[in-house]
N, C-alpha and C. Protein backbone atom coordinates (compact mmCIF):
# COMPACT_ATOMS: atom_id res chain seq x y z
N ALA A 1 7.15 -11.79 -17.60
CA ALA A 1 6.50 -10.79 -16.15
C ALA A 1 5.20 -10.90 -16.41
N ALA A 2 4.54 -10.81 -15.48
CA ALA A 2 3.28 -10.71 -15.55
C ALA A 2 2.52 -9.54 -15.89
N ASP A 3 1.71 -9.42 -16.91
CA ASP A 3 1.06 -8.58 -17.28
C ASP A 3 0.29 -7.42 -16.60
N PRO A 4 0.61 -6.05 -16.17
CA PRO A 4 0.22 -5.54 -15.65
C PRO A 4 -1.20 -5.01 -15.17
N GLY A 5 -1.99 -5.12 -16.49
CA GLY A 5 -3.48 -4.88 -16.65
C GLY A 5 -3.87 -5.93 -16.37
N ALA A 6 -3.49 -7.32 -16.13
CA ALA A 6 -4.25 -8.41 -15.82
C ALA A 6 -4.84 -8.49 -14.69
N PRO A 7 -5.93 -8.76 -14.12
CA PRO A 7 -6.68 -8.83 -12.85
C PRO A 7 -5.37 -9.94 -12.02
N ARG A 8 -5.54 -9.50 -10.74
CA ARG A 8 -5.02 -10.37 -9.75
C ARG A 8 -5.83 -10.66 -8.15
N THR A 9 -5.97 -11.77 -7.94
CA THR A 9 -6.60 -11.97 -6.74
C THR A 9 -5.67 -12.77 -5.82
N ALA A 10 -6.22 -12.33 -4.56
CA ALA A 10 -5.40 -12.80 -3.10
C ALA A 10 -6.28 -12.44 -2.25
N GLU A 11 -6.76 -13.09 -1.08
CA GLU A 11 -7.62 -12.51 -0.26
C GLU A 11 -8.40 -11.91 -0.57
N ALA A 12 -9.30 -12.15 -1.65
CA ALA A 12 -10.43 -11.34 -2.20
C ALA A 12 -9.84 -10.06 -2.85
N ILE A 13 -8.80 -10.03 -3.05
CA ILE A 13 -8.31 -8.64 -3.46
C ILE A 13 -8.41 -8.93 -5.13
N VAL A 14 -9.05 -7.85 -5.91
CA VAL A 14 -8.96 -7.80 -7.06
C VAL A 14 -8.31 -6.52 -7.77
N CYS A 15 -7.29 -6.58 -8.62
CA CYS A 15 -6.70 -5.54 -9.07
C CYS A 15 -6.72 -5.65 -10.66
N ALA A 16 -6.98 -4.30 -11.56
CA ALA A 16 -6.55 -4.42 -12.54
C ALA A 16 -6.10 -2.96 -13.10
N ASP A 17 -5.38 -2.72 -13.84
CA ASP A 17 -4.72 -1.75 -14.05
C ASP A 17 -4.06 -1.04 -12.64
N ASP A 18 -4.50 0.18 -12.76
CA ASP A 18 -3.92 1.01 -11.38
C ASP A 18 -5.18 0.78 -10.15
N ARG A 19 -5.95 0.19 -10.28
CA ARG A 19 -7.46 -0.10 -9.41
C ARG A 19 -7.51 -1.03 -8.60
N CYS A 20 -7.58 -1.37 -7.59
CA CYS A 20 -7.79 -2.58 -6.57
C CYS A 20 -8.94 -2.23 -6.02
N THR A 21 -9.56 -3.64 -5.29
CA THR A 21 -10.76 -3.54 -4.96
C THR A 21 -10.79 -4.77 -3.69
N LEU A 22 -10.99 -4.19 -2.39
CA LEU A 22 -10.67 -5.21 -1.67
C LEU A 22 -11.96 -5.45 -0.69
N PRO A 23 -12.29 -6.35 -0.09
CA PRO A 23 -13.59 -6.24 0.77
C PRO A 23 -13.26 -5.87 2.25
N ARG A 24 -14.51 -4.87 2.72
CA ARG A 24 -14.34 -3.97 3.77
C ARG A 24 -13.92 -4.98 4.79
N ALA A 25 -14.42 -5.86 4.92
CA ALA A 25 -13.74 -7.24 5.97
C ALA A 25 -12.63 -7.62 6.21
N THR A 26 -11.95 -7.80 4.76
CA THR A 26 -10.41 -7.76 4.71
C THR A 26 -9.67 -6.46 5.39
N PHE A 27 -10.13 -5.36 5.10
CA PHE A 27 -9.69 -4.04 5.27
C PHE A 27 -9.77 -3.78 6.84
N ASP A 28 -10.95 -4.19 7.49
CA ASP A 28 -11.18 -4.10 9.02
C ASP A 28 -10.37 -5.17 9.58
N ALA A 29 -10.10 -6.24 9.18
CA ALA A 29 -9.07 -7.22 9.89
C ALA A 29 -7.73 -6.84 9.69
N TRP A 30 -7.33 -6.08 8.59
CA TRP A 30 -6.18 -5.60 9.27
C TRP A 30 -5.98 -4.64 10.18
N GLY A 31 -7.03 -3.84 9.94
CA GLY A 31 -6.82 -2.70 11.29
C GLY A 31 -6.92 -2.84 12.65
N LYS A 32 -7.67 -4.62 12.92
CA LYS A 32 -7.43 -5.02 14.00
C LYS A 32 -6.43 -5.67 14.19
N ASP A 33 -5.31 -5.92 13.01
CA ASP A 33 -4.28 -6.74 13.76
C ASP A 33 -3.08 -5.97 13.04
N PRO A 34 -2.81 -4.71 13.01
CA PRO A 34 -1.80 -4.00 12.24
C PRO A 34 -0.20 -4.62 11.96
N THR A 35 -0.33 -5.67 12.94
CA THR A 35 1.21 -6.27 12.82
C THR A 35 1.36 -7.34 11.77
N ALA A 36 0.00 -7.97 11.84
CA ALA A 36 -0.02 -9.22 10.81
C ALA A 36 0.17 -8.41 9.63
N LEU A 37 -0.14 -7.26 9.23
CA LEU A 37 -0.09 -6.50 7.65
C LEU A 37 1.57 -6.42 7.66
N ALA A 38 1.97 -5.60 9.12
CA ALA A 38 3.11 -5.33 8.93
C ALA A 38 4.45 -6.38 8.64
N LYS A 39 4.10 -7.45 9.06
CA LYS A 39 4.92 -8.55 8.68
C LYS A 39 4.91 -9.34 7.27
N GLN A 40 3.89 -8.54 6.75
CA GLN A 40 4.26 -8.88 4.93
C GLN A 40 5.35 -8.28 4.08
N ALA A 41 6.12 -7.16 4.66
CA ALA A 41 7.20 -6.65 4.35
C ALA A 41 7.63 -5.98 5.29
N ARG A 42 8.99 -5.52 4.90
CA ARG A 42 9.93 -4.94 5.31
C ARG A 42 9.65 -3.43 4.93
N VAL A 43 9.44 -2.41 6.27
CA VAL A 43 9.23 -1.33 5.70
C VAL A 43 10.08 -0.43 6.35
N VAL A 44 11.13 0.47 5.33
CA VAL A 44 12.10 1.21 5.63
C VAL A 44 11.77 2.39 5.33
N PRO A 45 12.37 3.28 6.46
CA PRO A 45 12.29 5.14 5.79
C PRO A 45 13.12 5.51 4.76
N ASN A 46 12.92 5.92 4.06
CA ASN A 46 13.34 6.62 2.76
C ASN A 46 14.17 8.05 3.30
N ILE A 47 15.31 8.18 3.63
CA ILE A 47 15.80 9.86 4.31
C ILE A 47 16.44 10.13 2.94
N LYS A 48 16.20 11.28 2.74
CA LYS A 48 17.00 11.80 2.21
C LYS A 48 17.34 13.54 2.28
N ASP A 49 18.58 13.90 2.41
CA ASP A 49 19.06 15.33 2.80
C ASP A 49 18.42 15.09 4.70
N GLY A 50 18.24 14.50 5.28
CA GLY A 50 18.15 14.42 6.57
C GLY A 50 16.14 14.47 6.79
N VAL A 51 15.61 14.59 5.38
CA VAL A 51 13.88 14.45 5.47
C VAL A 51 13.52 13.35 4.96
N THR A 52 12.33 12.54 5.82
CA THR A 52 11.81 11.31 5.60
C THR A 52 10.89 11.34 4.19
N ARG A 53 11.11 10.98 3.14
CA ARG A 53 10.43 11.50 1.98
C ARG A 53 9.49 9.80 1.67
N GLY A 54 9.01 9.20 2.75
CA GLY A 54 8.30 8.16 2.36
C GLY A 54 8.93 6.71 3.08
N PHE A 55 8.58 5.39 2.67
CA PHE A 55 9.08 4.72 3.27
C PHE A 55 9.01 3.34 2.22
N LYS A 56 9.96 2.52 2.22
CA LYS A 56 10.32 1.89 1.07
C LYS A 56 10.18 0.36 1.42
N LEU A 57 9.63 -0.59 0.74
CA LEU A 57 9.27 -1.52 0.87
C LEU A 57 9.93 -2.90 0.27
N PHE A 58 10.39 -3.83 1.18
CA PHE A 58 11.58 -4.87 0.96
C PHE A 58 10.81 -6.19 1.42
N GLY A 59 11.15 -7.45 0.58
CA GLY A 59 10.59 -8.85 1.10
C GLY A 59 9.32 -8.45 1.21
N ILE A 60 8.64 -8.15 0.30
CA ILE A 60 7.20 -8.56 0.07
C ILE A 60 6.84 -9.97 -0.21
N ARG A 61 5.86 -10.59 0.68
CA ARG A 61 5.72 -11.94 0.42
C ARG A 61 4.79 -12.04 -0.63
N ALA A 62 4.99 -13.12 -1.68
CA ALA A 62 4.70 -13.02 -3.13
C ALA A 62 3.06 -13.22 -2.98
N SER A 63 2.53 -14.29 -2.06
CA SER A 63 1.38 -14.60 -1.96
C SER A 63 0.42 -13.63 -0.97
N GLY A 64 1.06 -12.49 -0.59
CA GLY A 64 0.60 -12.04 0.61
C GLY A 64 -0.50 -10.81 -0.12
N PRO A 65 -1.04 -9.62 0.48
CA PRO A 65 -1.91 -8.88 0.65
C PRO A 65 -0.93 -7.56 -0.24
N LEU A 66 -0.11 -7.29 0.15
CA LEU A 66 0.56 -6.14 -0.37
C LEU A 66 1.22 -6.40 -1.98
N ALA A 67 1.60 -7.80 -1.89
CA ALA A 67 1.99 -7.81 -3.49
C ALA A 67 0.27 -8.16 -4.28
N ALA A 68 -0.62 -8.63 -3.66
CA ALA A 68 -1.67 -8.59 -4.30
C ALA A 68 -2.27 -7.29 -4.79
N LEU A 69 -1.92 -6.41 -3.62
CA LEU A 69 -2.44 -4.73 -4.01
C LEU A 69 -1.66 -4.52 -5.13
N GLY A 70 -0.65 -4.66 -6.03
CA GLY A 70 0.34 -4.31 -6.73
C GLY A 70 1.42 -3.93 -6.14
N LEU A 71 1.93 -3.76 -5.15
CA LEU A 71 3.38 -3.23 -4.49
C LEU A 71 4.25 -4.33 -4.68
N GLU A 72 5.42 -3.67 -5.16
CA GLU A 72 6.36 -4.32 -5.20
C GLU A 72 7.79 -3.91 -4.86
N ASN A 73 8.70 -5.24 -4.36
CA ASN A 73 9.88 -5.06 -3.67
C ASN A 73 10.60 -3.69 -4.02
N GLY A 74 10.85 -2.75 -3.23
CA GLY A 74 11.65 -1.79 -3.76
C GLY A 74 10.83 -0.53 -3.93
N ASP A 75 9.33 -0.54 -4.05
CA ASP A 75 8.61 0.43 -4.05
C ASP A 75 8.92 1.66 -2.81
N LEU A 76 8.56 3.22 -3.17
CA LEU A 76 8.72 3.85 -2.40
C LEU A 76 7.72 4.53 -2.15
N ILE A 77 6.82 4.37 -0.98
CA ILE A 77 5.70 4.90 -0.49
C ILE A 77 5.86 6.27 -0.19
N THR A 78 4.96 7.22 -0.99
CA THR A 78 5.41 8.72 -0.67
C THR A 78 3.97 9.46 0.30
N ALA A 79 2.99 8.61 -0.34
CA ALA A 79 1.59 9.32 0.17
C ALA A 79 0.50 8.58 0.33
N ILE A 80 0.05 8.53 1.17
CA ILE A 80 -1.44 7.50 1.67
C ILE A 80 -2.51 8.49 1.27
N ALA A 81 -3.73 8.62 0.51
CA ALA A 81 -4.79 9.22 0.57
C ALA A 81 -4.40 10.90 0.50
N GLY A 82 -3.57 10.81 -0.12
CA GLY A 82 -3.13 12.35 -0.61
C GLY A 82 -2.38 13.04 0.62
N ARG A 83 -1.91 12.28 1.77
CA ARG A 83 -1.09 12.68 2.82
C ARG A 83 0.11 12.37 2.67
N PRO A 84 1.32 13.35 2.33
CA PRO A 84 2.67 12.81 2.69
C PRO A 84 3.17 12.11 3.69
N LEU A 85 3.79 10.82 3.34
CA LEU A 85 4.31 10.06 4.65
C LEU A 85 5.88 10.56 5.07
N LYS A 86 6.13 11.62 6.04
CA LYS A 86 7.39 12.30 6.38
C LYS A 86 7.75 11.87 7.45
N GLY A 87 7.05 10.72 7.83
CA GLY A 87 7.40 9.73 9.09
C GLY A 87 6.46 9.18 9.70
N MET A 88 6.85 8.36 10.85
CA MET A 88 5.86 7.11 11.39
C MET A 88 5.00 7.60 11.95
N ASP A 89 4.62 9.02 12.13
CA ASP A 89 3.21 9.18 12.90
C ASP A 89 2.49 9.86 11.97
N ASP A 90 2.96 10.50 10.92
CA ASP A 90 2.29 10.55 9.32
C ASP A 90 1.43 9.40 9.00
N ALA A 91 2.70 8.15 8.90
CA ALA A 91 2.20 6.87 8.19
C ALA A 91 0.58 6.74 8.91
N LEU A 92 0.92 6.47 10.66
CA LEU A 92 -0.06 5.93 11.39
C LEU A 92 -1.18 6.84 11.57
N THR A 93 -1.17 8.03 11.34
CA THR A 93 -2.37 9.21 11.27
C THR A 93 -3.08 8.83 9.75
N ALA A 94 -2.28 8.49 8.87
CA ALA A 94 -2.96 8.24 7.38
C ALA A 94 -3.98 7.17 6.98
N LEU A 95 -2.86 5.81 7.94
CA LEU A 95 -3.81 4.60 8.23
C LEU A 95 -5.00 4.90 9.09
N GLY A 96 -4.97 5.39 9.88
CA GLY A 96 -6.16 5.67 10.66
C GLY A 96 -7.28 6.41 10.39
N LEU A 97 -6.97 7.62 9.44
CA LEU A 97 -8.03 8.03 8.65
C LEU A 97 -8.75 7.28 7.66
N LEU A 98 -8.34 6.40 7.09
CA LEU A 98 -8.51 5.31 6.28
C LEU A 98 -9.95 4.60 6.46
N LYS A 99 -10.26 4.18 7.67
CA LYS A 99 -11.12 3.54 8.25
C LYS A 99 -12.82 3.82 7.93
N GLY A 100 -12.93 5.69 7.87
CA GLY A 100 -13.98 5.87 7.07
C GLY A 100 -14.13 6.57 5.76
N GLU A 101 -12.98 5.78 5.38
CA GLU A 101 -13.00 5.83 3.56
C GLU A 101 -13.62 4.73 2.57
N GLU A 102 -14.14 4.87 1.59
CA GLU A 102 -14.58 4.00 0.93
C GLU A 102 -13.30 3.74 -0.16
N GLN A 103 -12.52 4.83 -0.57
CA GLN A 103 -11.68 4.79 -1.72
C GLN A 103 -10.49 5.81 -1.12
N TRP A 104 -9.13 5.03 -1.65
CA TRP A 104 -7.93 6.18 -1.19
C TRP A 104 -7.09 5.95 -2.27
N THR A 105 -5.79 6.49 -2.24
CA THR A 105 -4.67 6.30 -3.29
C THR A 105 -3.59 6.12 -2.40
N ILE A 106 -2.54 5.12 -2.87
CA ILE A 106 -1.40 5.04 -2.64
C ILE A 106 -0.80 5.53 -3.59
N GLU A 107 0.40 6.43 -3.29
CA GLU A 107 1.29 7.10 -4.13
C GLU A 107 2.93 6.74 -3.68
N GLY A 108 3.42 7.06 -4.69
CA GLY A 108 5.05 6.43 -4.66
C GLY A 108 5.63 6.40 -5.78
N GLU A 109 7.07 5.85 -5.51
CA GLU A 109 7.87 5.79 -7.01
C GLU A 109 8.33 4.24 -6.92
N ARG A 110 8.32 3.84 -8.09
CA ARG A 110 8.78 2.49 -8.70
C ARG A 110 9.98 2.55 -9.73
N ARG A 111 11.13 2.39 -9.63
CA ARG A 111 12.34 2.65 -10.34
C ARG A 111 12.16 3.76 -10.76
N GLY A 112 12.15 4.76 -10.11
CA GLY A 112 12.47 6.07 -10.36
C GLY A 112 11.25 6.65 -11.24
N ALA A 113 10.27 6.10 -11.12
CA ALA A 113 9.14 6.86 -12.00
C ALA A 113 7.89 6.55 -11.17
N PRO A 114 6.95 7.71 -11.23
CA PRO A 114 5.82 7.67 -10.20
C PRO A 114 4.65 6.61 -10.62
N PHE A 115 4.22 6.51 -9.40
CA PHE A 115 3.08 5.48 -9.67
C PHE A 115 2.02 6.16 -8.43
N LYS A 116 0.62 5.49 -8.93
CA LYS A 116 -0.28 5.94 -7.92
C LYS A 116 -1.46 4.76 -8.22
N ARG A 117 -1.78 4.04 -6.88
CA ARG A 117 -3.14 3.03 -7.01
C ARG A 117 -4.12 3.38 -6.21
N THR A 118 -5.25 3.23 -6.86
CA THR A 118 -6.43 3.55 -6.34
C THR A 118 -6.96 2.23 -5.61
N ILE A 119 -7.38 2.45 -4.17
CA ILE A 119 -7.86 1.15 -3.50
C ILE A 119 -9.43 1.50 -2.97
N ALA A 120 -10.28 0.41 -3.29
CA ALA A 120 -11.50 0.83 -3.07
C ALA A 120 -11.88 -0.54 -2.33
N LEU A 121 -12.60 -0.15 -1.70
CA LEU A 121 -13.41 -1.18 -0.88
C LEU A 121 -15.08 -1.63 -1.18
N SER A 122 -15.25 -2.80 -1.16
CA SER A 122 -16.55 -3.44 -1.60
C SER A 122 -16.93 -4.10 -0.27
N GLU A 123 -18.36 -4.68 -0.33
CA GLU A 123 -18.98 -5.13 0.55
C GLU A 123 -18.87 -7.09 0.68
C-alpha cells in the first residue's frame, strides 16, 4: 500500500498527509461541469435509522480527482466545510458555497474511524 503521508499528484492536485492543494482553475472547471466529477465515483446516501448521515463513495477511479484528493472506496463523507450532509440538498448547498472559499474540509469515516481532509486552492 502507498504511504498515506507521501505526496500524490493528479490533475495538478498535490496531497501530503491530510491536506491537498489544487489549482483554482481545476476546481472552477468542476463547478462548470459537476456531472463530469459525479462520474468519477458512485455516490450512495448512507441511511441509518431513517436518517441520512452522509454519502458513501464506491467505484472511485484510481486515476481520477477523487482518488487524487485521497478519498477511497467505502469512505463515508459526512460533512463538507463543516456542513453536515443529511441529504442531497445539503450536499448541493455545501458545494455551491465552496465557490468563494480558499480552503475547506471534507469530513467522514473510513473503515469505522473518523477522517478529515483539508482542501486548499492555489492560483
